[in-house]
N, C-alpha and C. Protein backbone atom coordinates (compact mmCIF):
# COMPACT_ATOMS: atom_id res chain seq x y z
N UNK A 1 -12.06 -21.22 -123.51
CA UNK A 1 -12.01 -19.66 -123.11
C UNK A 1 -13.21 -19.84 -121.56
N UNK A 2 -13.21 -19.50 -120.31
CA UNK A 2 -14.45 -19.37 -119.37
C UNK A 2 -14.91 -17.55 -119.57
N UNK A 3 -16.22 -17.42 -119.19
CA UNK A 3 -16.17 -16.46 -118.83
C UNK A 3 -15.51 -14.95 -117.85
N UNK A 4 -15.19 -16.17 -116.66
CA UNK A 4 -13.97 -15.79 -115.91
C UNK A 4 -12.37 -14.93 -116.44
N UNK A 5 -12.19 -16.07 -117.74
CA UNK A 5 -11.13 -15.68 -118.14
C UNK A 5 -11.22 -14.27 -119.15
N UNK A 6 -12.40 -14.60 -119.85
CA UNK A 6 -13.13 -13.09 -120.91
C UNK A 6 -12.65 -12.07 -120.07
N UNK A 7 -13.56 -12.21 -119.21
CA UNK A 7 -13.63 -10.85 -117.84
C UNK A 7 -12.03 -10.02 -117.90
N UNK A 8 -10.92 -11.07 -117.26
CA UNK A 8 -9.94 -11.19 -116.70
C UNK A 8 -9.37 -10.34 -118.46
N UNK A 9 -9.36 -11.33 -118.93
CA UNK A 9 -8.56 -10.70 -120.57
C UNK A 9 -8.98 -9.29 -120.67
N UNK A 10 -9.71 -9.11 -120.49
CA UNK A 10 -10.44 -7.81 -121.33
C UNK A 10 -10.93 -7.15 -120.48
N UNK A 11 -10.88 -7.01 -119.24
CA UNK A 11 -11.29 -6.24 -118.09
C UNK A 11 -12.35 -5.63 -118.00
N UNK A 12 -13.44 -6.29 -118.49
CA UNK A 12 -14.79 -6.06 -118.63
C UNK A 12 -15.34 -5.80 -117.09
N UNK A 13 -16.33 -5.14 -117.07
CA UNK A 13 -17.17 -4.75 -115.54
C UNK A 13 -18.51 -5.90 -115.78
N UNK A 14 -18.47 -6.25 -113.82
CA UNK A 14 -19.40 -7.56 -113.78
C UNK A 14 -21.01 -7.06 -114.27
N UNK A 15 -21.35 -5.59 -115.43
CA UNK A 15 -22.37 -6.00 -115.46
C UNK A 15 -22.48 -6.18 -117.08
N UNK A 16 -21.05 -6.13 -117.37
CA UNK A 16 -21.38 -6.83 -119.15
C UNK A 16 -20.99 -7.90 -119.23
N UNK A 17 -20.43 -8.76 -117.48
CA UNK A 17 -20.24 -9.96 -117.91
C UNK A 17 -21.59 -10.40 -117.46
N UNK A 18 -22.66 -9.80 -117.02
CA UNK A 18 -24.27 -10.36 -117.12
C UNK A 18 -24.96 -10.34 -117.85
N UNK A 19 -24.31 -8.85 -118.60
CA UNK A 19 -24.81 -9.02 -119.96
C UNK A 19 -24.83 -10.23 -121.62
N UNK A 20 -23.89 -10.02 -121.02
CA UNK A 20 -22.98 -10.96 -121.97
C UNK A 20 -24.03 -12.90 -121.59
N UNK A 21 -23.82 -13.13 -119.84
CA UNK A 21 -24.66 -14.44 -119.97
C UNK A 21 -26.13 -14.49 -120.30
N UNK A 22 -26.37 -13.48 -120.08
CA UNK A 22 -28.04 -13.38 -120.66
C UNK A 22 -28.13 -13.31 -121.55
N UNK A 23 -26.89 -12.58 -122.89
CA UNK A 23 -26.90 -13.12 -124.19
C UNK A 23 -27.18 -15.01 -124.52
N UNK A 24 -26.02 -14.89 -123.78
CA UNK A 24 -25.33 -16.35 -124.14
C UNK A 24 -26.94 -17.27 -123.93
N UNK A 25 -27.86 -17.03 -123.00
CA UNK A 25 -28.47 -17.90 -122.86
C UNK A 25 -29.71 -17.70 -123.65
N UNK A 26 -29.92 -16.21 -124.57
CA UNK A 26 -31.22 -15.76 -125.50
C UNK A 26 -30.16 -17.13 -126.92
N UNK A 27 -29.53 -16.67 -126.60
CA UNK A 27 -28.76 -17.45 -128.02
C UNK A 27 -29.28 -19.07 -127.87
N UNK A 28 -29.03 -19.67 -126.78
CA UNK A 28 -29.31 -20.78 -126.60
C UNK A 28 -30.45 -21.52 -126.83
N UNK A 29 -31.38 -20.78 -126.62
CA UNK A 29 -32.58 -21.05 -126.01
C UNK A 29 -33.23 -20.95 -127.51
N UNK A 30 -32.46 -20.20 -128.56
CA UNK A 30 -32.78 -19.41 -130.33
C UNK A 30 -32.27 -20.39 -130.79
N UNK A 31 -31.28 -20.67 -130.63
CA UNK A 31 -30.50 -21.38 -131.73
C UNK A 31 -31.13 -22.29 -132.37
N UNK A 32 -31.85 -23.43 -131.55
CA UNK A 32 -32.44 -24.62 -132.13
C UNK A 32 -33.54 -24.52 -132.97
N UNK A 33 -33.79 -23.27 -132.70
CA UNK A 33 -34.83 -22.71 -133.49
C UNK A 33 -34.78 -22.02 -135.16
N UNK A 34 -33.56 -21.43 -135.06
CA UNK A 34 -33.15 -20.24 -135.97
C UNK A 34 -31.78 -20.04 -136.65
N UNK A 35 -31.44 -21.04 -135.96
CA UNK A 35 -29.60 -21.48 -137.21
C UNK A 35 -29.00 -20.11 -135.95
N UNK A 36 -29.10 -19.43 -135.56
CA UNK A 36 -28.35 -18.21 -135.39
C UNK A 36 -26.58 -18.57 -135.51
N UNK A 37 -26.00 -19.80 -135.11
CA UNK A 37 -24.78 -20.26 -134.61
C UNK A 37 -25.06 -21.10 -135.15
N UNK A 38 -23.26 -22.17 -135.49
CA UNK A 38 -23.23 -23.77 -136.33
C UNK A 38 -23.25 -24.26 -134.25
N UNK A 39 -24.03 -24.55 -134.07
CA UNK A 39 -23.97 -25.30 -132.69
C UNK A 39 -22.63 -26.07 -131.80
N UNK A 40 -22.08 -26.40 -133.19
CA UNK A 40 -21.01 -27.15 -132.93
C UNK A 40 -19.64 -25.83 -132.10
N UNK A 41 -19.86 -24.37 -132.18
CA UNK A 41 -19.62 -23.52 -131.60
C UNK A 41 -19.98 -22.75 -130.21
N UNK A 42 -21.31 -23.40 -129.98
CA UNK A 42 -21.66 -23.04 -128.71
C UNK A 42 -20.99 -23.13 -127.68
N UNK A 43 -20.33 -24.40 -127.57
CA UNK A 43 -19.34 -25.13 -126.29
C UNK A 43 -18.50 -24.15 -125.97
N UNK A 44 -17.72 -23.51 -127.13
CA UNK A 44 -16.71 -22.17 -127.11
C UNK A 44 -16.97 -21.38 -127.81
N UNK A 45 -18.41 -20.29 -127.00
CA UNK A 45 -19.17 -19.45 -127.18
C UNK A 45 -18.00 -18.31 -126.86
N UNK A 46 -17.79 -17.96 -125.90
CA UNK A 46 -16.61 -17.24 -125.12
C UNK A 46 -15.45 -16.81 -126.15
N UNK A 47 -15.14 -18.24 -126.78
CA UNK A 47 -13.90 -17.72 -127.53
C UNK A 47 -14.35 -17.34 -128.76
N UNK A 48 -15.38 -18.04 -129.69
CA UNK A 48 -15.76 -18.10 -130.95
C UNK A 48 -16.05 -17.20 -131.14
N UNK A 49 -17.13 -16.26 -130.46
CA UNK A 49 -18.25 -15.76 -130.92
C UNK A 49 -17.68 -14.33 -129.99
N UNK A 50 -18.10 -14.50 -128.36
CA UNK A 50 -18.03 -13.19 -127.37
C UNK A 50 -16.25 -12.70 -127.64
N UNK A 51 -15.17 -13.65 -127.94
CA UNK A 51 -14.04 -12.75 -127.95
C UNK A 51 -13.45 -12.37 -128.91
N UNK A 52 -14.29 -12.88 -129.99
CA UNK A 52 -13.95 -12.41 -131.81
C UNK A 52 -14.64 -10.72 -132.00
N UNK A 53 -15.32 -10.88 -131.51
CA UNK A 53 -16.83 -10.00 -131.69
C UNK A 53 -16.14 -8.46 -130.91
N UNK A 54 -15.27 -9.02 -129.11
CA UNK A 54 -14.99 -7.96 -127.95
C UNK A 54 -13.62 -7.42 -128.92
N UNK A 55 -13.32 -7.74 -129.56
CA UNK A 55 -11.45 -7.67 -130.26
C UNK A 55 -11.71 -6.53 -131.15
N UNK A 56 -12.58 -5.59 -131.47
CA UNK A 56 -12.88 -5.06 -132.05
C UNK A 56 -13.44 -4.21 -131.21
N UNK A 57 -13.11 -3.93 -130.06
CA UNK A 57 -13.84 -1.97 -129.12
C UNK A 57 -13.15 -1.50 -129.52
N UNK A 58 -11.43 -1.62 -129.26
CA UNK A 58 -10.83 -0.88 -129.35
C UNK A 58 -10.72 0.13 -130.50
N UNK A 59 -11.27 0.16 -131.50
CA UNK A 59 -11.59 1.49 -132.90
C UNK A 59 -12.86 2.02 -132.51
N UNK A 60 -13.58 1.59 -131.12
CA UNK A 60 -15.10 2.53 -130.71
C UNK A 60 -14.56 4.15 -130.43
N UNK A 61 -15.59 4.43 -131.64
CA UNK A 61 -15.33 6.40 -131.54
C UNK A 61 -16.06 6.89 -130.46
N UNK A 62 -15.73 7.97 -129.79
CA UNK A 62 -15.97 8.73 -128.12
C UNK A 62 -17.86 8.66 -128.34
N UNK A 63 -17.92 9.20 -129.86
CA UNK A 63 -19.43 9.24 -130.03
C UNK A 63 -19.54 9.12 -131.62
N UNK A 64 -21.12 8.41 -131.80
CA UNK A 64 -21.46 8.32 -133.11
C UNK A 64 -22.39 7.03 -133.94
N UNK A 65 -22.37 6.54 -134.86
CA UNK A 65 -23.45 5.65 -135.11
C UNK A 65 -21.84 4.16 -135.70
N UNK A 66 -22.42 3.13 -134.88
CA UNK A 66 -21.45 2.22 -135.36
C UNK A 66 -22.56 1.28 -136.15
N UNK A 67 -22.94 0.97 -137.59
CA UNK A 67 -23.33 -0.02 -138.47
C UNK A 67 -22.64 -0.91 -138.55
N UNK A 68 -24.00 -2.17 -137.98
CA UNK A 68 -22.96 -3.73 -138.02
C UNK A 68 -23.86 -3.99 -139.57
N UNK A 69 -23.12 -5.20 -140.43
CA UNK A 69 -24.09 -5.49 -142.03
C UNK A 69 -24.58 -6.56 -141.71
N UNK A 70 -25.29 -7.14 -141.95
CA UNK A 70 -25.08 -8.86 -141.47
C UNK A 70 -24.92 -9.45 -140.57
N UNK A 71 -26.29 -8.96 -139.72
CA UNK A 71 -25.76 -9.03 -138.59
C UNK A 71 -26.03 -10.17 -137.23
N UNK A 72 -27.08 -11.06 -138.46
CA UNK A 72 -27.42 -12.50 -138.14
C UNK A 72 -27.87 -12.76 -136.35
N UNK A 73 -26.69 -13.93 -135.64
CA UNK A 73 -26.71 -13.77 -133.94
C UNK A 73 -26.10 -12.02 -133.74
N UNK A 74 -25.91 -11.47 -134.43
CA UNK A 74 -25.37 -10.02 -133.19
C UNK A 74 -23.95 -9.64 -132.94
N UNK A 75 -23.22 -10.89 -134.09
CA UNK A 75 -21.74 -10.60 -133.68
C UNK A 75 -21.32 -9.39 -134.72
N UNK A 76 -20.12 -8.59 -134.56
CA UNK A 76 -19.88 -8.54 -133.26
C UNK A 76 -20.92 -7.41 -132.62
N UNK A 77 -21.89 -6.83 -133.28
CA UNK A 77 -22.72 -5.88 -132.69
C UNK A 77 -23.07 -5.65 -131.35
N UNK A 78 -23.73 -6.44 -131.40
CA UNK A 78 -24.38 -6.71 -129.68
C UNK A 78 -23.51 -7.22 -128.56
N UNK A 79 -22.22 -7.39 -129.18
CA UNK A 79 -21.10 -8.28 -128.33
C UNK A 79 -20.45 -7.15 -127.72
N UNK A 80 -20.42 -5.70 -128.43
CA UNK A 80 -19.74 -5.03 -128.52
C UNK A 80 -20.53 -3.81 -128.04
N UNK A 81 -21.71 -3.78 -128.28
CA UNK A 81 -22.85 -3.16 -127.98
C UNK A 81 -23.06 -3.20 -126.16
N UNK A 82 -22.55 -4.22 -125.33
CA UNK A 82 -22.74 -4.91 -123.99
C UNK A 82 -21.73 -4.27 -123.57
N UNK A 83 -20.17 -3.94 -124.04
CA UNK A 83 -19.29 -3.67 -123.13
C UNK A 83 -19.33 -2.16 -123.28
N UNK A 84 -19.75 -1.37 -124.51
CA UNK A 84 -19.50 -0.20 -124.27
C UNK A 84 -20.59 0.82 -123.67
N UNK A 85 -21.61 0.12 -123.74
CA UNK A 85 -23.59 0.77 -123.09
C UNK A 85 -22.86 1.70 -121.64
N UNK A 86 -21.54 1.25 -120.99
CA UNK A 86 -21.40 2.39 -119.91
C UNK A 86 -20.80 2.90 -120.53
N UNK A 87 -19.23 2.57 -120.89
CA UNK A 87 -18.14 3.23 -121.48
C UNK A 87 -18.78 4.39 -122.32
N UNK A 88 -19.05 4.08 -123.43
CA UNK A 88 -19.08 4.62 -125.04
C UNK A 88 -20.77 5.30 -124.33
N UNK A 89 -21.09 5.95 -123.81
CA UNK A 89 -22.86 6.31 -123.82
C UNK A 89 -23.19 6.96 -125.17
N UNK A 90 -21.99 7.42 -125.57
CA UNK A 90 -22.55 8.37 -126.81
C UNK A 90 -22.82 7.30 -127.94
N UNK A 91 -22.47 6.53 -127.75
CA UNK A 91 -22.32 5.35 -128.89
C UNK A 91 -23.33 4.75 -129.35
N UNK A 92 -23.85 4.44 -130.56
CA UNK A 92 -25.35 4.01 -130.73
C UNK A 92 -25.52 2.95 -131.84
N UNK A 93 -25.98 1.45 -131.96
CA UNK A 93 -25.66 0.99 -132.59
C UNK A 93 -26.69 0.64 -133.98
N UNK A 94 -26.74 0.24 -135.11
CA UNK A 94 -27.85 0.47 -135.74
C UNK A 94 -27.35 -1.46 -136.70
N UNK A 95 -28.06 -2.39 -136.33
CA UNK A 95 -28.05 -3.80 -136.98
C UNK A 95 -28.51 -3.35 -138.46
N UNK A 96 -28.43 -4.73 -139.31
CA UNK A 96 -28.62 -4.50 -140.33
C UNK A 96 -29.14 -6.10 -140.71
N UNK A 97 -29.96 -6.79 -141.10
CA UNK A 97 -30.59 -7.86 -140.88
C UNK A 97 -31.66 -7.71 -141.47
N UNK A 98 -32.08 -8.60 -143.19
CA UNK A 98 -32.87 -9.04 -143.50
C UNK A 98 -33.70 -10.09 -143.05
N UNK A 99 -32.99 -10.88 -143.02
CA UNK A 99 -33.55 -12.54 -141.85
C UNK A 99 -34.36 -12.21 -141.24
N UNK A 100 -36.26 -11.72 -141.61
CA UNK A 100 -36.78 -11.75 -140.69
C UNK A 100 -36.96 -11.70 -138.67
N UNK A 101 -36.52 -13.92 -138.33
CA UNK A 101 -37.03 -13.88 -137.29
C UNK A 101 -35.09 -13.70 -136.72
N UNK A 102 -34.69 -13.59 -137.60
CA UNK A 102 -33.31 -13.12 -136.85
C UNK A 102 -33.30 -11.54 -135.96
N UNK A 103 -34.34 -10.69 -137.25
CA UNK A 103 -34.08 -9.19 -136.69
C UNK A 103 -35.08 -9.56 -135.37
N UNK A 104 -36.39 -10.40 -135.39
CA UNK A 104 -37.05 -10.70 -134.08
C UNK A 104 -35.49 -10.95 -133.36
N UNK A 105 -35.09 -11.71 -132.80
CA UNK A 105 -34.38 -12.36 -131.96
C UNK A 105 -33.16 -10.56 -131.67
N UNK A 106 -32.58 -9.89 -132.66
CA UNK A 106 -31.76 -9.75 -131.43
C UNK A 106 -32.95 -8.05 -131.45
N UNK A 107 -33.93 -7.69 -131.52
CA UNK A 107 -34.48 -6.86 -130.96
C UNK A 107 -34.71 -7.29 -129.76
N UNK A 108 -34.50 -8.99 -129.74
CA UNK A 108 -35.28 -9.25 -128.21
C UNK A 108 -33.80 -8.90 -127.23
N UNK A 109 -32.84 -9.39 -127.28
CA UNK A 109 -31.81 -9.32 -127.03
C UNK A 109 -31.62 -7.66 -126.90
N UNK A 110 -31.86 -6.98 -127.52
CA UNK A 110 -31.20 -5.23 -127.72
C UNK A 110 -32.54 -4.87 -126.36
N UNK A 111 -33.58 -5.87 -126.21
CA UNK A 111 -34.42 -4.83 -125.43
C UNK A 111 -33.86 -6.00 -123.30
N UNK A 112 -34.17 -7.14 -123.87
CA UNK A 112 -33.60 -7.22 -123.00
C UNK A 112 -31.90 -6.97 -122.13
N UNK A 113 -31.46 -6.57 -122.82
CA UNK A 113 -30.15 -6.16 -122.43
C UNK A 113 -29.92 -4.87 -121.72
N UNK A 114 -30.84 -4.15 -122.39
CA UNK A 114 -31.25 -2.62 -122.44
C UNK A 114 -29.93 -1.65 -123.14
N UNK A 115 -29.71 -2.25 -124.12
CA UNK A 115 -28.31 -1.80 -125.56
C UNK A 115 -28.74 -0.34 -126.02
N UNK A 116 -28.40 0.15 -126.58
CA UNK A 116 -28.13 1.26 -127.33
C UNK A 116 -28.28 1.28 -128.77
N UNK A 117 -29.54 0.55 -129.04
CA UNK A 117 -29.43 -0.25 -130.43
C UNK A 117 -30.65 -0.26 -131.28
N UNK A 118 -30.37 0.05 -132.46
CA UNK A 118 -32.05 -0.50 -133.69
C UNK A 118 -31.41 -1.39 -134.60
N UNK A 119 -32.78 -2.03 -134.87
CA UNK A 119 -32.03 -2.94 -136.20
C UNK A 119 -32.96 -2.74 -137.17
N UNK A 120 -32.82 -2.79 -138.44
CA UNK A 120 -33.47 -2.51 -139.85
C UNK A 120 -33.58 -3.48 -140.29
N UNK A 121 -34.78 -3.95 -140.73
CA UNK A 121 -34.84 -5.20 -141.18
C UNK A 121 -34.52 -4.99 -142.73
N UNK A 122 -34.14 -5.14 -143.21
CA UNK A 122 -33.81 -4.81 -144.70
C UNK A 122 -32.61 -5.96 -145.54
N UNK A 123 -32.68 -5.71 -146.55
CA UNK A 123 -31.55 -5.57 -147.31
C UNK A 123 -30.67 -4.46 -147.40
N UNK A 124 -29.17 -4.97 -147.38
CA UNK A 124 -28.08 -3.96 -147.48
C UNK A 124 -28.61 -3.51 -148.78
N UNK A 125 -28.87 -3.47 -149.75
CA UNK A 125 -28.81 -2.69 -150.61
C UNK A 125 -30.02 -1.47 -150.64
N UNK A 126 -30.96 -1.99 -149.53
CA UNK A 126 -32.30 -0.79 -149.53
C UNK A 126 -32.44 0.20 -148.77
N UNK A 127 -31.22 0.18 -147.82
CA UNK A 127 -31.05 1.76 -147.42
C UNK A 127 -30.81 2.17 -147.11
N UNK A 128 -30.92 3.36 -146.75
CA UNK A 128 -29.83 4.53 -147.28
C UNK A 128 -28.60 4.70 -147.12
N UNK A 129 -27.86 5.78 -147.57
CA UNK A 129 -26.84 5.92 -146.84
C UNK A 129 -26.55 5.91 -144.94
N UNK A 130 -26.30 5.35 -144.30
CA UNK A 130 -25.55 5.66 -143.15
C UNK A 130 -25.10 6.34 -142.17
N UNK A 131 -24.02 6.76 -143.47
CA UNK A 131 -23.02 8.18 -142.56
C UNK A 131 -22.68 7.25 -141.36
N UNK A 132 -21.73 6.11 -140.90
CA UNK A 132 -21.29 5.91 -139.98
C UNK A 132 -20.24 5.78 -139.44
N UNK A 133 -20.04 5.69 -138.63
CA UNK A 133 -18.37 6.14 -137.78
C UNK A 133 -17.82 5.38 -138.19
N UNK A 134 -18.52 3.87 -137.30
CA UNK A 134 -17.50 2.46 -137.51
C UNK A 134 -18.14 1.57 -138.31
N UNK A 135 -17.61 0.62 -139.10
CA UNK A 135 -19.01 -0.20 -140.31
C UNK A 135 -18.24 -1.77 -139.93
N UNK A 136 -19.10 -2.64 -139.59
CA UNK A 136 -18.57 -3.73 -139.54
C UNK A 136 -19.32 -4.79 -140.29
N UNK A 137 -18.79 -5.91 -140.35
CA UNK A 137 -19.46 -6.89 -141.39
C UNK A 137 -18.40 -8.77 -140.94
N UNK A 138 -18.94 -8.91 -140.24
CA UNK A 138 -18.02 -10.50 -139.71
C UNK A 138 -19.17 -11.52 -140.97
N UNK A 139 -17.90 -12.17 -141.69
CA UNK A 139 -18.66 -14.05 -142.17
C UNK A 139 -20.08 -13.22 -143.01
N UNK A 140 -19.74 -12.55 -143.93
CA UNK A 140 -20.82 -11.86 -144.77
C UNK A 140 -20.61 -11.75 -146.54
N UNK A 141 -19.31 -11.95 -146.66
CA UNK A 141 -18.54 -12.05 -147.70
C UNK A 141 -17.61 -11.72 -148.21
N UNK A 142 -16.72 -11.20 -149.76
CA UNK A 142 -16.04 -11.03 -150.09
C UNK A 142 -15.21 -9.65 -149.33
N UNK A 143 -13.96 -9.55 -148.98
CA UNK A 143 -13.87 -8.30 -149.06
C UNK A 143 -13.95 -6.78 -149.64
N UNK A 144 -14.13 -7.70 -150.89
CA UNK A 144 -14.00 -6.33 -152.28
C UNK A 144 -15.63 -5.83 -152.04
N UNK A 145 -16.46 -6.32 -151.93
CA UNK A 145 -17.69 -6.27 -151.36
C UNK A 145 -17.83 -5.69 -150.28
N UNK A 146 -17.33 -5.86 -149.56
CA UNK A 146 -17.61 -5.29 -148.17
C UNK A 146 -17.03 -4.07 -148.20
N UNK A 147 -16.33 -4.04 -148.57
CA UNK A 147 -15.32 -2.64 -149.24
C UNK A 147 -16.63 -1.85 -150.19
N UNK A 148 -17.40 -2.35 -150.83
CA UNK A 148 -18.15 -1.36 -151.80
C UNK A 148 -19.28 -1.10 -150.51
N UNK A 149 -20.10 -2.22 -149.61
CA UNK A 149 -20.81 -1.20 -148.41
C UNK A 149 -19.65 0.28 -147.65
N UNK A 150 -18.69 -0.56 -147.55
CA UNK A 150 -18.07 0.81 -146.64
C UNK A 150 -17.94 2.16 -147.55
N UNK A 151 -17.94 1.95 -149.24
CA UNK A 151 -18.04 3.01 -149.76
C UNK A 151 -19.17 3.95 -149.62
N UNK A 152 -20.65 2.93 -149.58
CA UNK A 152 -22.09 3.60 -149.58
C UNK A 152 -22.12 3.93 -148.65
N UNK A 153 -21.35 3.62 -147.40
CA UNK A 153 -22.44 3.61 -145.66
C UNK A 153 -21.12 4.42 -144.38
N UNK A 154 -20.29 4.67 -145.05
CA UNK A 154 -19.22 5.18 -144.54
C UNK A 154 -19.35 6.65 -143.88
N UNK A 155 -19.13 7.70 -142.72
CA UNK A 155 -19.08 8.59 -142.63
C UNK A 155 -17.48 9.24 -143.74
N UNK A 156 -17.05 10.27 -143.89
CA UNK A 156 -16.15 10.73 -144.64
C UNK A 156 -14.31 10.68 -144.17
N UNK A 157 -14.89 10.25 -142.81
CA UNK A 157 -13.71 10.11 -141.91
C UNK A 157 -13.03 8.30 -141.31
N UNK A 158 -15.05 7.30 -141.16
CA UNK A 158 -15.28 6.70 -141.15
C UNK A 158 -14.20 5.52 -141.00
N UNK A 159 -14.28 4.30 -140.40
CA UNK A 159 -13.41 3.41 -140.32
C UNK A 159 -14.25 2.26 -140.74
N UNK A 160 -13.55 0.63 -141.14
CA UNK A 160 -14.40 -0.09 -141.66
C UNK A 160 -14.06 -1.62 -141.38
N UNK A 161 -14.30 -2.56 -140.45
CA UNK A 161 -13.74 -3.38 -139.61
C UNK A 161 -14.00 -5.01 -140.04
N UNK A 162 -13.33 -4.99 -140.80
CA UNK A 162 -13.65 -6.95 -141.59
C UNK A 162 -12.93 -8.08 -140.77
N UNK A 163 -12.98 -8.50 -140.16
CA UNK A 163 -12.84 -9.53 -140.11
C UNK A 163 -12.45 -10.71 -140.76
N UNK A 164 -11.48 -11.06 -141.36
CA UNK A 164 -10.90 -12.52 -142.38
C UNK A 164 -10.33 -13.57 -141.84
N UNK A 165 -10.75 -15.05 -142.93
CA UNK A 165 -9.77 -15.52 -142.39
C UNK A 165 -8.54 -16.17 -142.88
N UNK A 166 -8.13 -17.69 -143.37
CA UNK A 166 -6.99 -17.96 -143.79
C UNK A 166 -6.33 -17.29 -145.23
N UNK A 167 -7.54 -16.49 -146.01
CA UNK A 167 -7.54 -16.28 -147.16
C UNK A 167 -7.68 -14.50 -147.21
N UNK A 168 -7.35 -13.95 -145.80
CA UNK A 168 -7.64 -12.46 -146.25
C UNK A 168 -6.38 -12.00 -147.40
N UNK A 169 -5.98 -12.15 -147.35
CA UNK A 169 -4.42 -11.92 -147.88
C UNK A 169 -4.51 -11.52 -149.40
N UNK A 170 -5.70 -12.97 -149.97
CA UNK A 170 -5.87 -13.01 -151.37
C UNK A 170 -7.00 -12.42 -151.68
N UNK A 171 -7.77 -12.12 -150.71
CA UNK A 171 -8.80 -11.08 -150.48
C UNK A 171 -8.55 -9.79 -151.10
N UNK A 172 -7.59 -9.37 -150.18
CA UNK A 172 -6.72 -8.10 -149.81
C UNK A 172 -6.81 -7.11 -151.53
N UNK A 173 -5.52 -8.73 -152.49
CA UNK A 173 -5.38 -8.05 -153.09
C UNK A 173 -6.28 -8.10 -154.42
N UNK A 174 -7.61 -9.03 -154.46
CA UNK A 174 -8.67 -9.12 -155.53
C UNK A 174 -9.52 -7.79 -155.09
N UNK A 175 -9.96 -7.04 -153.58
CA UNK A 175 -11.02 -5.66 -153.37
C UNK A 175 -9.42 -4.88 -153.96
N UNK A 176 -7.95 -4.65 -153.60
CA UNK A 176 -7.54 -3.48 -154.18
C UNK A 176 -7.48 -3.68 -155.99
N UNK A 177 -7.65 -4.26 -156.68
CA UNK A 177 -8.09 -4.35 -158.03
C UNK A 177 -9.45 -3.40 -158.71
N UNK A 178 -10.20 -3.65 -157.44
CA UNK A 178 -11.85 -2.37 -158.04
C UNK A 178 -11.02 -1.43 -156.76
N UNK A 179 -10.71 -1.31 -155.82
CA UNK A 179 -10.90 0.22 -155.03
C UNK A 179 -9.68 0.63 -154.38
N UNK A 180 -9.49 1.53 -153.72
CA UNK A 180 -8.57 1.91 -153.87
C UNK A 180 -9.02 2.50 -152.61
N UNK A 181 -8.02 2.02 -151.14
CA UNK A 181 -7.84 2.84 -149.42
C UNK A 181 -6.90 2.65 -149.04
N UNK A 182 -6.92 3.18 -148.07
CA UNK A 182 -5.87 2.69 -146.32
C UNK A 182 -6.05 1.94 -146.05
N UNK A 183 -4.98 0.85 -145.11
CA UNK A 183 -5.65 -0.20 -145.10
C UNK A 183 -4.67 -0.70 -142.85
N UNK A 184 -5.45 -0.91 -142.23
CA UNK A 184 -4.13 -1.81 -141.33
C UNK A 184 -4.23 -3.09 -141.38
N UNK A 185 -3.96 -3.73 -140.91
CA UNK A 185 -4.17 -4.93 -140.68
C UNK A 185 -3.48 -5.88 -139.11
N UNK A 186 -4.09 -6.43 -138.29
CA UNK A 186 -4.48 -6.53 -137.02
C UNK A 186 -4.83 -8.10 -136.73
N UNK A 187 -3.44 -8.65 -135.76
CA UNK A 187 -4.18 -10.40 -135.77
C UNK A 187 -4.91 -10.08 -135.19
N UNK A 188 -5.61 -11.55 -135.36
CA UNK A 188 -6.68 -12.06 -134.83
C UNK A 188 -6.39 -12.66 -132.96
N UNK A 189 -7.05 -12.19 -132.43
CA UNK A 189 -7.17 -12.80 -130.91
C UNK A 189 -7.57 -14.42 -130.70
N UNK A 190 -8.25 -14.74 -131.65
CA UNK A 190 -8.66 -15.87 -131.68
C UNK A 190 -8.10 -16.96 -132.59
N UNK A 191 -7.39 -16.72 -134.16
CA UNK A 191 -6.95 -17.18 -134.77
C UNK A 191 -5.97 -17.02 -135.37
N UNK A 192 -5.34 -17.29 -135.39
CA UNK A 192 -3.86 -17.31 -135.61
C UNK A 192 -3.52 -17.08 -137.41
N UNK A 193 -4.03 -18.39 -137.91
CA UNK A 193 -3.94 -17.56 -139.60
C UNK A 193 -5.70 -16.27 -139.73
N UNK A 194 -6.19 -15.94 -139.17
CA UNK A 194 -6.97 -15.13 -139.62
C UNK A 194 -6.52 -13.47 -139.69
N UNK A 195 -7.09 -12.20 -139.63
CA UNK A 195 -6.61 -10.53 -139.54
C UNK A 195 -7.93 -10.04 -139.72
N UNK A 196 -7.78 -9.05 -139.43
CA UNK A 196 -9.08 -7.84 -139.12
C UNK A 196 -8.51 -6.72 -139.77
N UNK A 197 -9.29 -6.39 -140.71
CA UNK A 197 -8.68 -5.08 -141.95
C UNK A 197 -9.53 -3.58 -141.38
N UNK A 198 -8.59 -3.05 -141.06
CA UNK A 198 -9.24 -1.43 -140.38
C UNK A 198 -8.92 -1.07 -141.94
N UNK A 199 -9.98 -0.35 -142.21
CA UNK A 199 -9.73 0.45 -143.65
C UNK A 199 -11.11 1.78 -143.59
N UNK A 200 -9.97 2.68 -144.35
CA UNK A 200 -10.27 3.74 -144.22
C UNK A 200 -10.45 4.64 -145.25
N UNK A 201 -10.89 6.00 -146.02
CA UNK A 201 -10.35 6.61 -147.50
C UNK A 201 -10.78 5.66 -147.97
N UNK A 202 -12.36 5.14 -148.53
CA UNK A 202 -12.25 4.50 -149.82
C UNK A 202 -12.92 5.31 -150.86
N UNK A 203 -12.27 4.50 -151.97
CA UNK A 203 -12.28 5.01 -154.07
C UNK A 203 -12.35 4.34 -154.48
N UNK A 204 -13.11 4.83 -155.68
CA UNK A 204 -12.66 3.36 -156.67
C UNK A 204 -11.92 3.51 -157.41
N UNK A 205 -10.97 2.30 -157.54
CA UNK A 205 -9.71 2.48 -158.31
C UNK A 205 -9.62 3.59 -159.55
N UNK A 206 -8.63 3.45 -160.04
CA UNK A 206 -8.64 4.44 -161.24
C UNK A 206 -8.04 3.62 -162.47
């Protein structure tokens, strides 16, 4: 997918494309040093990383905190922040990334693109309850573990968004052995075998 196709498909502003162009350049500059993404995916970054992240934008609240765990190279949080900075000015992003070098990269992107976001350079287990309106995590761990994070850090009415690959049905079964929650399964725009779980009302299974 080209950036022009991305813009047409998602109907985003010229300013958003400019921000993502800058983001792409920063990834290309930093990636050889700190391995933000697999180098084999850079040629298709507008689909593999940008569209894959952008498809979560429909869950953006009108205001509040979007918490992203294990942010790595910034997906999905910084793509979403780039899209929402103009349309959802009352939404702020908190990115959690324990790797110091990646945290520096994330802060560089946030500064250069003037995004409404901050980085917590700590392990997820070390941060206090964030009371997030939306929580996301991409390629971080098992669904069972992610639901546990959601139970800790979501506001009472918050929603957790977890993109998962071809084993998503099996992961769902395993997670529901330990946790009770409401969920929707959304087909992925970038992988016909993948899905996104939108999860609410998390409680430990009785």
